[in-house]
Amino acid sequence: QTQVKFNIIIFCESLYYLRDDNQIDI
């Protein structure tokens, strides 16, 4: 969690570790 707004958010080789596709939507 954060209150900060970022100009660029990077997911470098991290999203495919999510357990299932529904977590991508989350």
mmCIF file of all heavy atoms, coordinates in Angstrom:
data_MODEL
# 
_entry.id   MODEL 
# 
loop_
_atom_site.group_PDB 
_atom_site.id 
_atom_site.type_symbol 
_atom_site.label_atom_id 
_atom_site.label_alt_id 
_atom_site.label_comp_id 
_atom_site.label_asym_id 
_atom_site.label_entity_id 
_atom_site.label_seq_id 
_atom_site.pdbx_PDB_ins_code 
_atom_site.Cartn_x 
_atom_site.Cartn_y 
_atom_site.Cartn_z 
_atom_site.occupancy 
_atom_site.B_iso_or_equiv 
_atom_site.pdbx_formal_charge 
_atom_site.auth_seq_id 
_atom_site.auth_comp_id 
_atom_site.auth_asym_id 
_atom_site.auth_atom_id 
_atom_site.pdbx_PDB_model_num 
ATOM 1   N N   . GLN A 1 1  ? 0.842   -1.199  0.000   1.00 0.00 ? 1  GLN A N   1 
ATOM 2   C CA  . GLN A 1 1  ? 0.000   0.000   0.000   1.00 0.00 ? 1  GLN A CA  1 
ATOM 3   C C   . GLN A 1 1  ? 0.873   1.244   0.000   1.00 0.00 ? 1  GLN A C   1 
ATOM 4   O O   . GLN A 1 1  ? 1.967   1.247   0.576   1.00 0.00 ? 1  GLN A O   1 
ATOM 5   C CB  . GLN A 1 1  ? -0.902  0.018   1.243   1.00 0.00 ? 1  GLN A CB  1 
ATOM 6   C CG  . GLN A 1 1  ? -1.969  -1.064  1.267   1.00 0.00 ? 1  GLN A CG  1 
ATOM 7   C CD  . GLN A 1 1  ? -3.023  -0.878  0.189   1.00 0.00 ? 1  GLN A CD  1 
ATOM 8   O OE1 . GLN A 1 1  ? -3.257  0.240   -0.274  1.00 0.00 ? 1  GLN A OE1 1 
ATOM 9   N NE2 . GLN A 1 1  ? -3.664  -1.970  -0.222  1.00 0.00 ? 1  GLN A NE2 1 
ATOM 10  N N   . THR A 1 2  ? 0.403   2.296   -0.632  1.00 0.00 ? 2  THR A N   1 
ATOM 11  C CA  . THR A 1 2  ? 1.100   3.578   -0.641  1.00 0.00 ? 2  THR A CA  1 
ATOM 12  C C   . THR A 1 2  ? 0.106   4.700   -0.920  1.00 0.00 ? 2  THR A C   1 
ATOM 13  O O   . THR A 1 2  ? -0.924  4.476   -1.575  1.00 0.00 ? 2  THR A O   1 
ATOM 14  C CB  . THR A 1 2  ? 2.225   3.603   -1.704  1.00 0.00 ? 2  THR A CB  1 
ATOM 15  O OG1 . THR A 1 2  ? 2.887   4.872   -1.666  1.00 0.00 ? 2  THR A OG1 1 
ATOM 16  C CG2 . THR A 1 2  ? 1.674   3.368   -3.095  1.00 0.00 ? 2  THR A CG2 1 
ATOM 17  N N   . GLN A 1 3  ? 0.413   5.887   -0.444  1.00 0.00 ? 3  GLN A N   1 
ATOM 18  C CA  . GLN A 1 3  ? -0.396  7.073   -0.728  1.00 0.00 ? 3  GLN A CA  1 
ATOM 19  C C   . GLN A 1 3  ? 0.203   7.871   -1.890  1.00 0.00 ? 3  GLN A C   1 
ATOM 20  O O   . GLN A 1 3  ? -0.379  8.854   -2.334  1.00 0.00 ? 3  GLN A O   1 
ATOM 21  C CB  . GLN A 1 3  ? -0.473  7.967   0.520   1.00 0.00 ? 3  GLN A CB  1 
ATOM 22  C CG  . GLN A 1 3  ? -1.098  7.285   1.734   1.00 0.00 ? 3  GLN A CG  1 
ATOM 23  C CD  . GLN A 1 3  ? -2.532  6.858   1.481   1.00 0.00 ? 3  GLN A CD  1 
ATOM 24  O OE1 . GLN A 1 3  ? -3.314  7.598   0.896   1.00 0.00 ? 3  GLN A OE1 1 
ATOM 25  N NE2 . GLN A 1 3  ? -2.873  5.651   1.900   1.00 0.00 ? 3  GLN A NE2 1 
ATOM 26  N N   . VAL A 1 4  ? 1.352   7.427   -2.364  1.00 0.00 ? 4  VAL A N   1 
ATOM 27  C CA  . VAL A 1 4  ? 2.078   8.153   -3.409  1.00 0.00 ? 4  VAL A CA  1 
ATOM 28  C C   . VAL A 1 4  ? 1.569   7.747   -4.794  1.00 0.00 ? 4  VAL A C   1 
ATOM 29  O O   . VAL A 1 4  ? 1.227   6.592   -5.031  1.00 0.00 ? 4  VAL A O   1 
ATOM 30  C CB  . VAL A 1 4  ? 3.596   7.862   -3.320  1.00 0.00 ? 4  VAL A CB  1 
ATOM 31  C CG1 . VAL A 1 4  ? 4.360   8.612   -4.406  1.00 0.00 ? 4  VAL A CG1 1 
ATOM 32  C CG2 . VAL A 1 4  ? 4.118   8.213   -1.933  1.00 0.00 ? 4  VAL A CG2 1 
ATOM 33  N N   . LYS A 1 5  ? 1.518   8.721   -5.698  1.00 0.00 ? 5  LYS A N   1 
ATOM 34  C CA  . LYS A 1 5  ? 1.186   8.468   -7.098  1.00 0.00 ? 5  LYS A CA  1 
ATOM 35  C C   . LYS A 1 5  ? 2.479   8.500   -7.911  1.00 0.00 ? 5  LYS A C   1 
ATOM 36  O O   . LYS A 1 5  ? 3.259   9.458   -7.808  1.00 0.00 ? 5  LYS A O   1 
ATOM 37  C CB  . LYS A 1 5  ? 0.227   9.536   -7.629  1.00 0.00 ? 5  LYS A CB  1 
ATOM 38  C CG  . LYS A 1 5  ? -1.095  9.628   -6.888  1.00 0.00 ? 5  LYS A CG  1 
ATOM 39  C CD  . LYS A 1 5  ? -2.021  8.486   -7.250  1.00 0.00 ? 5  LYS A CD  1 
ATOM 40  C CE  . LYS A 1 5  ? -3.402  8.692   -6.630  1.00 0.00 ? 5  LYS A CE  1 
ATOM 41  N NZ  . LYS A 1 5  ? -4.342  7.615   -6.983  1.00 0.00 ? 5  LYS A NZ  1 
ATOM 42  N N   . PHE A 1 6  ? 2.698   7.486   -8.720  1.00 0.00 ? 6  PHE A N   1 
ATOM 43  C CA  . PHE A 1 6  ? 3.934   7.362   -9.480  1.00 0.00 ? 6  PHE A CA  1 
ATOM 44  C C   . PHE A 1 6  ? 3.705   7.608   -10.969 1.00 0.00 ? 6  PHE A C   1 
ATOM 45  O O   . PHE A 1 6  ? 2.666   7.226   -11.515 1.00 0.00 ? 6  PHE A O   1 
ATOM 46  C CB  . PHE A 1 6  ? 4.537   5.977   -9.279  1.00 0.00 ? 6  PHE A CB  1 
ATOM 47  C CG  . PHE A 1 6  ? 5.002   5.699   -7.879  1.00 0.00 ? 6  PHE A CG  1 
ATOM 48  C CD1 . PHE A 1 6  ? 4.119   5.205   -6.926  1.00 0.00 ? 6  PHE A CD1 1 
ATOM 49  C CD2 . PHE A 1 6  ? 6.313   5.951   -7.509  1.00 0.00 ? 6  PHE A CD2 1 
ATOM 50  C CE1 . PHE A 1 6  ? 4.537   4.952   -5.630  1.00 0.00 ? 6  PHE A CE1 1 
ATOM 51  C CE2 . PHE A 1 6  ? 6.748   5.703   -6.211  1.00 0.00 ? 6  PHE A CE2 1 
ATOM 52  C CZ  . PHE A 1 6  ? 5.855   5.208   -5.272  1.00 0.00 ? 6  PHE A CZ  1 
ATOM 53  N N   . ASN A 1 7  ? 4.682   8.214   -11.609 1.00 0.00 ? 7  ASN A N   1 
ATOM 54  C CA  . ASN A 1 7  ? 4.599   8.459   -13.052 1.00 0.00 ? 7  ASN A CA  1 
ATOM 55  C C   . ASN A 1 7  ? 4.820   7.184   -13.864 1.00 0.00 ? 7  ASN A C   1 
ATOM 56  O O   . ASN A 1 7  ? 4.246   7.008   -14.939 1.00 0.00 ? 7  ASN A O   1 
ATOM 57  C CB  . ASN A 1 7  ? 5.631   9.501   -13.496 1.00 0.00 ? 7  ASN A CB  1 
ATOM 58  C CG  . ASN A 1 7  ? 5.450   10.823  -12.798 1.00 0.00 ? 7  ASN A CG  1 
ATOM 59  O OD1 . ASN A 1 7  ? 6.345   11.293  -12.091 1.00 0.00 ? 7  ASN A OD1 1 
ATOM 60  N ND2 . ASN A 1 7  ? 4.290   11.456  -12.983 1.00 0.00 ? 7  ASN A ND2 1 
ATOM 61  N N   . ILE A 1 8  ? 5.693   6.304   -13.338 1.00 0.00 ? 8  ILE A N   1 
ATOM 62  C CA  . ILE A 1 8  ? 5.981   5.045   -14.022 1.00 0.00 ? 8  ILE A CA  1 
ATOM 63  C C   . ILE A 1 8  ? 5.954   3.902   -13.001 1.00 0.00 ? 8  ILE A C   1 
ATOM 64  O O   . ILE A 1 8  ? 6.614   3.974   -11.968 1.00 0.00 ? 8  ILE A O   1 
ATOM 65  C CB  . ILE A 1 8  ? 7.365   5.064   -14.707 1.00 0.00 ? 8  ILE A CB  1 
ATOM 66  C CG1 . ILE A 1 8  ? 7.433   6.170   -15.765 1.00 0.00 ? 8  ILE A CG1 1 
ATOM 67  C CG2 . ILE A 1 8  ? 7.664   3.709   -15.352 1.00 0.00 ? 8  ILE A CG2 1 
ATOM 68  C CD1 . ILE A 1 8  ? 8.805   6.294   -16.440 1.00 0.00 ? 8  ILE A CD1 1 
ATOM 69  N N   . ILE A 1 9  ? 5.166   2.863   -13.313 1.00 0.00 ? 9  ILE A N   1 
ATOM 70  C CA  . ILE A 1 9  ? 5.139   1.656   -12.497 1.00 0.00 ? 9  ILE A CA  1 
ATOM 71  C C   . ILE A 1 9  ? 5.667   0.512   -13.356 1.00 0.00 ? 9  ILE A C   1 
ATOM 72  O O   . ILE A 1 9  ? 5.206   0.298   -14.473 1.00 0.00 ? 9  ILE A O   1 
ATOM 73  C CB  . ILE A 1 9  ? 3.731   1.342   -11.974 1.00 0.00 ? 9  ILE A CB  1 
ATOM 74  C CG1 . ILE A 1 9  ? 3.237   2.470   -11.054 1.00 0.00 ? 9  ILE A CG1 1 
ATOM 75  C CG2 . ILE A 1 9  ? 3.719   0.011   -11.227 1.00 0.00 ? 9  ILE A CG2 1 
ATOM 76  C CD1 . ILE A 1 9  ? 1.837   2.253   -10.504 1.00 0.00 ? 9  ILE A CD1 1 
ATOM 77  N N   . ILE A 1 10 ? 6.640   -0.222  -12.815 1.00 0.00 ? 10 ILE A N   1 
ATOM 78  C CA  . ILE A 1 10 ? 7.324   -1.262  -13.582 1.00 0.00 ? 10 ILE A CA  1 
ATOM 79  C C   . ILE A 1 10 ? 7.104   -2.632  -12.942 1.00 0.00 ? 10 ILE A C   1 
ATOM 80  O O   . ILE A 1 10 ? 7.291   -2.808  -11.736 1.00 0.00 ? 10 ILE A O   1 
ATOM 81  C CB  . ILE A 1 10 ? 8.841   -0.985  -13.650 1.00 0.00 ? 10 ILE A CB  1 
ATOM 82  C CG1 . ILE A 1 10 ? 9.099   0.408   -14.228 1.00 0.00 ? 10 ILE A CG1 1 
ATOM 83  C CG2 . ILE A 1 10 ? 9.553   -2.057  -14.482 1.00 0.00 ? 10 ILE A CG2 1 
ATOM 84  C CD1 . ILE A 1 10 ? 10.528  0.886   -14.041 1.00 0.00 ? 10 ILE A CD1 1 
ATOM 85  N N   . PHE A 1 11 ? 6.702   -3.585  -13.765 1.00 0.00 ? 11 PHE A N   1 
ATOM 86  C CA  . PHE A 1 11 ? 6.620   -4.986  -13.353 1.00 0.00 ? 11 PHE A CA  1 
ATOM 87  C C   . PHE A 1 11 ? 7.624   -5.751  -14.221 1.00 0.00 ? 11 PHE A C   1 
ATOM 88  O O   . PHE A 1 11 ? 7.283   -6.259  -15.279 1.00 0.00 ? 11 PHE A O   1 
ATOM 89  C CB  . PHE A 1 11 ? 5.220   -5.550  -13.573 1.00 0.00 ? 11 PHE A CB  1 
ATOM 90  C CG  . PHE A 1 11 ? 4.151   -4.912  -12.724 1.00 0.00 ? 11 PHE A CG  1 
ATOM 91  C CD1 . PHE A 1 11 ? 3.441   -3.815  -13.194 1.00 0.00 ? 11 PHE A CD1 1 
ATOM 92  C CD2 . PHE A 1 11 ? 3.837   -5.418  -11.469 1.00 0.00 ? 11 PHE A CD2 1 
ATOM 93  C CE1 . PHE A 1 11 ? 2.444   -3.221  -12.428 1.00 0.00 ? 11 PHE A CE1 1 
ATOM 94  C CE2 . PHE A 1 11 ? 2.847   -4.836  -10.689 1.00 0.00 ? 11 PHE A CE2 1 
ATOM 95  C CZ  . PHE A 1 11 ? 2.150   -3.735  -11.174 1.00 0.00 ? 11 PHE A CZ  1 
ATOM 96  N N   . CYS A 1 12 ? 8.860   -5.803  -13.775 1.00 0.00 ? 12 CYS A N   1 
ATOM 97  C CA  . CYS A 1 12 ? 9.919   -6.450  -14.545 1.00 0.00 ? 12 CYS A CA  1 
ATOM 98  C C   . CYS A 1 12 ? 10.063  -7.901  -14.088 1.00 0.00 ? 12 CYS A C   1 
ATOM 99  O O   . CYS A 1 12 ? 10.588  -8.163  -13.000 1.00 0.00 ? 12 CYS A O   1 
ATOM 100 C CB  . CYS A 1 12 ? 11.233  -5.689  -14.387 1.00 0.00 ? 12 CYS A CB  1 
ATOM 101 S SG  . CYS A 1 12 ? 12.581  -6.346  -15.385 1.00 0.00 ? 12 CYS A SG  1 
ATOM 102 N N   . GLU A 1 13 ? 9.565   -8.813  -14.888 1.00 0.00 ? 13 GLU A N   1 
ATOM 103 C CA  . GLU A 1 13 ? 9.659   -10.246 -14.590 1.00 0.00 ? 13 GLU A CA  1 
ATOM 104 C C   . GLU A 1 13 ? 9.022   -10.610 -13.255 1.00 0.00 ? 13 GLU A C   1 
ATOM 105 O O   . GLU A 1 13 ? 9.557   -11.432 -12.511 1.00 0.00 ? 13 GLU A O   1 
ATOM 106 C CB  . GLU A 1 13 ? 11.131  -10.687 -14.595 1.00 0.00 ? 13 GLU A CB  1 
ATOM 107 C CG  . GLU A 1 13 ? 11.881  -10.353 -15.864 1.00 0.00 ? 13 GLU A CG  1 
ATOM 108 C CD  . GLU A 1 13 ? 11.255  -10.985 -17.100 1.00 0.00 ? 13 GLU A CD  1 
ATOM 109 O OE1 . GLU A 1 13 ? 11.271  -12.222 -17.223 1.00 0.00 ? 13 GLU A OE1 1 
ATOM 110 O OE2 . GLU A 1 13 ? 10.741  -10.220 -17.944 1.00 0.00 ? 13 GLU A OE2 1 
ATOM 111 N N   . SER A 1 14 ? 7.871   -10.015 -12.965 1.00 0.00 ? 14 SER A N   1 
ATOM 112 C CA  . SER A 1 14 ? 7.236   -10.300 -11.672 1.00 0.00 ? 14 SER A CA  1 
ATOM 113 C C   . SER A 1 14 ? 5.786   -10.772 -11.794 1.00 0.00 ? 14 SER A C   1 
ATOM 114 O O   . SER A 1 14 ? 5.331   -11.567 -10.966 1.00 0.00 ? 14 SER A O   1 
ATOM 115 C CB  . SER A 1 14 ? 7.291   -9.056  -10.769 1.00 0.00 ? 14 SER A CB  1 
ATOM 116 O OG  . SER A 1 14 ? 6.745   -7.927  -11.417 1.00 0.00 ? 14 SER A OG  1 
ATOM 117 N N   . LEU A 1 15 ? 5.066   -10.324 -12.812 1.00 0.00 ? 15 LEU A N   1 
ATOM 118 C CA  . LEU A 1 15 ? 3.637   -10.634 -12.884 1.00 0.00 ? 15 LEU A CA  1 
ATOM 119 C C   . LEU A 1 15 ? 3.349   -12.110 -13.119 1.00 0.00 ? 15 LEU A C   1 
ATOM 120 O O   . LEU A 1 15 ? 2.324   -12.624 -12.672 1.00 0.00 ? 15 LEU A O   1 
ATOM 121 C CB  . LEU A 1 15 ? 2.964   -9.805  -13.982 1.00 0.00 ? 15 LEU A CB  1 
ATOM 122 C CG  . LEU A 1 15 ? 2.710   -8.334  -13.658 1.00 0.00 ? 15 LEU A CG  1 
ATOM 123 C CD1 . LEU A 1 15 ? 2.127   -7.611  -14.859 1.00 0.00 ? 15 LEU A CD1 1 
ATOM 124 C CD2 . LEU A 1 15 ? 1.780   -8.193  -12.459 1.00 0.00 ? 15 LEU A CD2 1 
ATOM 125 N N   . TYR A 1 16 ? 4.228   -12.815 -13.818 1.00 0.00 ? 16 TYR A N   1 
ATOM 126 C CA  . TYR A 1 16 ? 3.913   -14.220 -14.098 1.00 0.00 ? 16 TYR A CA  1 
ATOM 127 C C   . TYR A 1 16 ? 4.113   -15.123 -12.881 1.00 0.00 ? 16 TYR A C   1 
ATOM 128 O O   . TYR A 1 16 ? 3.853   -16.323 -12.945 1.00 0.00 ? 16 TYR A O   1 
ATOM 129 C CB  . TYR A 1 16 ? 4.688   -14.757 -15.307 1.00 0.00 ? 16 TYR A CB  1 
ATOM 130 C CG  . TYR A 1 16 ? 6.189   -14.549 -15.311 1.00 0.00 ? 16 TYR A CG  1 
ATOM 131 C CD1 . TYR A 1 16 ? 7.020   -15.230 -14.433 1.00 0.00 ? 16 TYR A CD1 1 
ATOM 132 C CD2 . TYR A 1 16 ? 6.781   -13.691 -16.236 1.00 0.00 ? 16 TYR A CD2 1 
ATOM 133 C CE1 . TYR A 1 16 ? 8.390   -15.061 -14.460 1.00 0.00 ? 16 TYR A CE1 1 
ATOM 134 C CE2 . TYR A 1 16 ? 8.155   -13.512 -16.278 1.00 0.00 ? 16 TYR A CE2 1 
ATOM 135 C CZ  . TYR A 1 16 ? 8.958   -14.211 -15.388 1.00 0.00 ? 16 TYR A CZ  1 
ATOM 136 O OH  . TYR A 1 16 ? 10.325  -14.043 -15.421 1.00 0.00 ? 16 TYR A OH  1 
ATOM 137 N N   . TYR A 1 17 ? 4.557   -14.558 -11.763 1.00 0.00 ? 17 TYR A N   1 
ATOM 138 C CA  . TYR A 1 17 ? 4.638   -15.334 -10.535 1.00 0.00 ? 17 TYR A CA  1 
ATOM 139 C C   . TYR A 1 17 ? 3.308   -15.343 -9.774  1.00 0.00 ? 17 TYR A C   1 
ATOM 140 O O   . TYR A 1 17 ? 3.185   -16.041 -8.763  1.00 0.00 ? 17 TYR A O   1 
ATOM 141 C CB  . TYR A 1 17 ? 5.735   -14.785 -9.620  1.00 0.00 ? 17 TYR A CB  1 
ATOM 142 C CG  . TYR A 1 17 ? 7.124   -15.130 -10.084 1.00 0.00 ? 17 TYR A CG  1 
ATOM 143 C CD1 . TYR A 1 17 ? 7.962   -14.147 -10.606 1.00 0.00 ? 17 TYR A CD1 1 
ATOM 144 C CD2 . TYR A 1 17 ? 7.601   -16.437 -10.015 1.00 0.00 ? 17 TYR A CD2 1 
ATOM 145 C CE1 . TYR A 1 17 ? 9.239   -14.458 -11.041 1.00 0.00 ? 17 TYR A CE1 1 
ATOM 146 C CE2 . TYR A 1 17 ? 8.875   -16.758 -10.444 1.00 0.00 ? 17 TYR A CE2 1 
ATOM 147 C CZ  . TYR A 1 17 ? 9.692   -15.760 -10.956 1.00 0.00 ? 17 TYR A CZ  1 
ATOM 148 O OH  . TYR A 1 17 ? 10.953  -16.069 -11.385 1.00 0.00 ? 17 TYR A OH  1 
ATOM 149 N N   . LEU A 1 18 ? 2.347   -14.572 -10.237 1.00 0.00 ? 18 LEU A N   1 
ATOM 150 C CA  . LEU A 1 18 ? 1.038   -14.585 -9.597  1.00 0.00 ? 18 LEU A CA  1 
ATOM 151 C C   . LEU A 1 18 ? 0.419   -15.971 -9.740  1.00 0.00 ? 18 LEU A C   1 
ATOM 152 O O   . LEU A 1 18 ? 0.597   -16.649 -10.754 1.00 0.00 ? 18 LEU A O   1 
ATOM 153 C CB  . LEU A 1 18 ? 0.125   -13.529 -10.220 1.00 0.00 ? 18 LEU A CB  1 
ATOM 154 C CG  . LEU A 1 18 ? 0.546   -12.080 -9.982  1.00 0.00 ? 18 LEU A CG  1 
ATOM 155 C CD1 . LEU A 1 18 ? -0.324  -11.127 -10.781 1.00 0.00 ? 18 LEU A CD1 1 
ATOM 156 C CD2 . LEU A 1 18 ? 0.480   -11.729 -8.497  1.00 0.00 ? 18 LEU A CD2 1 
ATOM 157 N N   . ARG A 1 19 ? -0.318  -16.370 -8.740  1.00 0.00 ? 19 ARG A N   1 
ATOM 158 C CA  . ARG A 1 19 ? -0.808  -17.754 -8.671  1.00 0.00 ? 19 ARG A CA  1 
ATOM 159 C C   . ARG A 1 19 ? -1.817  -18.070 -9.768  1.00 0.00 ? 19 ARG A C   1 
ATOM 160 O O   . ARG A 1 19 ? -1.822  -19.163 -10.317 1.00 0.00 ? 19 ARG A O   1 
ATOM 161 C CB  . ARG A 1 19 ? -1.435  -18.016 -7.294  1.00 0.00 ? 19 ARG A CB  1 
ATOM 162 C CG  . ARG A 1 19 ? -1.883  -19.447 -7.076  1.00 0.00 ? 19 ARG A CG  1 
ATOM 163 C CD  . ARG A 1 19 ? -2.346  -19.658 -5.646  1.00 0.00 ? 19 ARG A CD  1 
ATOM 164 N NE  . ARG A 1 19 ? -2.760  -21.032 -5.435  1.00 0.00 ? 19 ARG A NE  1 
ATOM 165 C CZ  . ARG A 1 19 ? -3.998  -21.474 -5.641  1.00 0.00 ? 19 ARG A CZ  1 
ATOM 166 N NH1 . ARG A 1 19 ? -4.920  -20.641 -6.081  1.00 0.00 ? 19 ARG A NH1 1 
ATOM 167 N NH2 . ARG A 1 19 ? -4.303  -22.738 -5.408  1.00 0.00 ? 19 ARG A NH2 1 
ATOM 168 N N   . ASP A 1 20 ? -2.702  -17.126 -10.093 1.00 0.00 ? 20 ASP A N   1 
ATOM 169 C CA  . ASP A 1 20 ? -3.700  -17.392 -11.127 1.00 0.00 ? 20 ASP A CA  1 
ATOM 170 C C   . ASP A 1 20 ? -4.041  -16.103 -11.865 1.00 0.00 ? 20 ASP A C   1 
ATOM 171 O O   . ASP A 1 20 ? -3.642  -15.004 -11.464 1.00 0.00 ? 20 ASP A O   1 
ATOM 172 C CB  . ASP A 1 20 ? -4.964  -18.034 -10.541 1.00 0.00 ? 20 ASP A CB  1 
ATOM 173 C CG  . ASP A 1 20 ? -5.593  -17.197 -9.434  1.00 0.00 ? 20 ASP A CG  1 
ATOM 174 O OD1 . ASP A 1 20 ? -5.939  -16.033 -9.702  1.00 0.00 ? 20 ASP A OD1 1 
ATOM 175 O OD2 . ASP A 1 20 ? -5.739  -17.696 -8.306  1.00 0.00 ? 20 ASP A OD2 1 
ATOM 176 N N   . ASP A 1 21 ? -4.785  -16.241 -12.952 1.00 0.00 ? 21 ASP A N   1 
ATOM 177 C CA  . ASP A 1 21 ? -5.090  -15.101 -13.815 1.00 0.00 ? 21 ASP A CA  1 
ATOM 178 C C   . ASP A 1 21 ? -5.956  -14.060 -13.120 1.00 0.00 ? 21 ASP A C   1 
ATOM 179 O O   . ASP A 1 21 ? -5.900  -12.871 -13.457 1.00 0.00 ? 21 ASP A O   1 
ATOM 180 C CB  . ASP A 1 21 ? -5.781  -15.593 -15.097 1.00 0.00 ? 21 ASP A CB  1 
ATOM 181 C CG  . ASP A 1 21 ? -4.874  -16.477 -15.943 1.00 0.00 ? 21 ASP A CG  1 
ATOM 182 O OD1 . ASP A 1 21 ? -3.647  -16.445 -15.710 1.00 0.00 ? 21 ASP A OD1 1 
ATOM 183 O OD2 . ASP A 1 21 ? -5.385  -17.198 -16.817 1.00 0.00 ? 21 ASP A OD2 1 
ATOM 184 N N   . ASN A 1 22 ? -6.782  -14.479 -12.171 1.00 0.00 ? 22 ASN A N   1 
ATOM 185 C CA  . ASN A 1 22 ? -7.637  -13.527 -11.457 1.00 0.00 ? 22 ASN A CA  1 
ATOM 186 C C   . ASN A 1 22 ? -6.806  -12.512 -10.663 1.00 0.00 ? 22 ASN A C   1 
ATOM 187 O O   . ASN A 1 22 ? -7.225  -11.369 -10.475 1.00 0.00 ? 22 ASN A O   1 
ATOM 188 C CB  . ASN A 1 22 ? -8.587  -14.262 -10.505 1.00 0.00 ? 22 ASN A CB  1 
ATOM 189 C CG  . ASN A 1 22 ? -9.639  -15.052 -11.245 1.00 0.00 ? 22 ASN A CG  1 
ATOM 190 O OD1 . ASN A 1 22 ? -10.034 -14.678 -12.355 1.00 0.00 ? 22 ASN A OD1 1 
ATOM 191 N ND2 . ASN A 1 22 ? -10.098 -16.143 -10.669 1.00 0.00 ? 22 ASN A ND2 1 
ATOM 192 N N   . GLN A 1 23 ? -5.633  -12.944 -10.211 1.00 0.00 ? 23 GLN A N   1 
ATOM 193 C CA  . GLN A 1 23 ? -4.779  -12.029 -9.464  1.00 0.00 ? 23 GLN A CA  1 
ATOM 194 C C   . GLN A 1 23 ? -4.218  -10.923 -10.356 1.00 0.00 ? 23 GLN A C   1 
ATOM 195 O O   . GLN A 1 23 ? -3.891  -9.845  -9.871  1.00 0.00 ? 23 GLN A O   1 
ATOM 196 C CB  . GLN A 1 23 ? -3.637  -12.807 -8.799  1.00 0.00 ? 23 GLN A CB  1 
ATOM 197 C CG  . GLN A 1 23 ? -4.094  -13.655 -7.626  1.00 0.00 ? 23 GLN A CG  1 
ATOM 198 C CD  . GLN A 1 23 ? -2.944  -14.282 -6.872  1.00 0.00 ? 23 GLN A CD  1 
ATOM 199 O OE1 . GLN A 1 23 ? -1.913  -14.608 -7.449  1.00 0.00 ? 23 GLN A OE1 1 
ATOM 200 N NE2 . GLN A 1 23 ? -3.109  -14.460 -5.567  1.00 0.00 ? 23 GLN A NE2 1 
ATOM 201 N N   . ILE A 1 24 ? -4.125  -11.184 -11.652 1.00 0.00 ? 24 ILE A N   1 
ATOM 202 C CA  . ILE A 1 24 ? -3.685  -10.144 -12.586 1.00 0.00 ? 24 ILE A CA  1 
ATOM 203 C C   . ILE A 1 24 ? -4.698  -9.009  -12.578 1.00 0.00 ? 24 ILE A C   1 
ATOM 204 O O   . ILE A 1 24 ? -4.329  -7.826  -12.541 1.00 0.00 ? 24 ILE A O   1 
ATOM 205 C CB  . ILE A 1 24 ? -3.519  -10.705 -14.009 1.00 0.00 ? 24 ILE A CB  1 
ATOM 206 C CG1 . ILE A 1 24 ? -2.487  -11.831 -14.022 1.00 0.00 ? 24 ILE A CG1 1 
ATOM 207 C CG2 . ILE A 1 24 ? -3.097  -9.595  -14.983 1.00 0.00 ? 24 ILE A CG2 1 
ATOM 208 C CD1 . ILE A 1 24 ? -2.395  -12.563 -15.347 1.00 0.00 ? 24 ILE A CD1 1 
ATOM 209 N N   . ASP A 1 25 ? -5.984  -9.352  -12.606 1.00 0.00 ? 25 ASP A N   1 
ATOM 210 C CA  . ASP A 1 25 ? -7.039  -8.331  -12.558 1.00 0.00 ? 25 ASP A CA  1 
ATOM 211 C C   . ASP A 1 25 ? -6.967  -7.526  -11.269 1.00 0.00 ? 25 ASP A C   1 
ATOM 212 O O   . ASP A 1 25 ? -7.162  -6.306  -11.268 1.00 0.00 ? 25 ASP A O   1 
ATOM 213 C CB  . ASP A 1 25 ? -8.421  -8.995  -12.676 1.00 0.00 ? 25 ASP A CB  1 
ATOM 214 C CG  . ASP A 1 25 ? -8.630  -9.671  -14.019 1.00 0.00 ? 25 ASP A CG  1 
ATOM 215 O OD1 . ASP A 1 25 ? -8.250  -9.079  -15.043 1.00 0.00 ? 25 ASP A OD1 1 
ATOM 216 O OD2 . ASP A 1 25 ? -9.162  -10.799 -14.041 1.00 0.00 ? 25 ASP A OD2 1 
ATOM 217 N N   . ILE A 1 26 ? -6.691  -8.214  -10.164 1.00 0.00 ? 26 ILE A N   1 
ATOM 218 C CA  . ILE A 1 26 ? -6.577  -7.536  -8.875  1.00 0.00 ? 26 ILE A CA  1 
ATOM 219 C C   . ILE A 1 26 ? -5.405  -6.553  -8.889  1.00 0.00 ? 26 ILE A C   1 
ATOM 220 O O   . ILE A 1 26 ? -5.527  -5.413  -8.426  1.00 0.00 ? 26 ILE A O   1 
ATOM 221 C CB  . ILE A 1 26 ? -6.388  -8.572  -7.742  1.00 0.00 ? 26 ILE A CB  1 
ATOM 222 C CG1 . ILE A 1 26 ? -7.654  -9.427  -7.598  1.00 0.00 ? 26 ILE A CG1 1 
ATOM 223 C CG2 . ILE A 1 26 ? -6.053  -7.879  -6.418  1.00 0.00 ? 26 ILE A CG2 1 
ATOM 224 C CD1 . ILE A 1 26 ? -7.497  -10.607 -6.650  1.00 0.00 ? 26 ILE A CD1 1 
# 
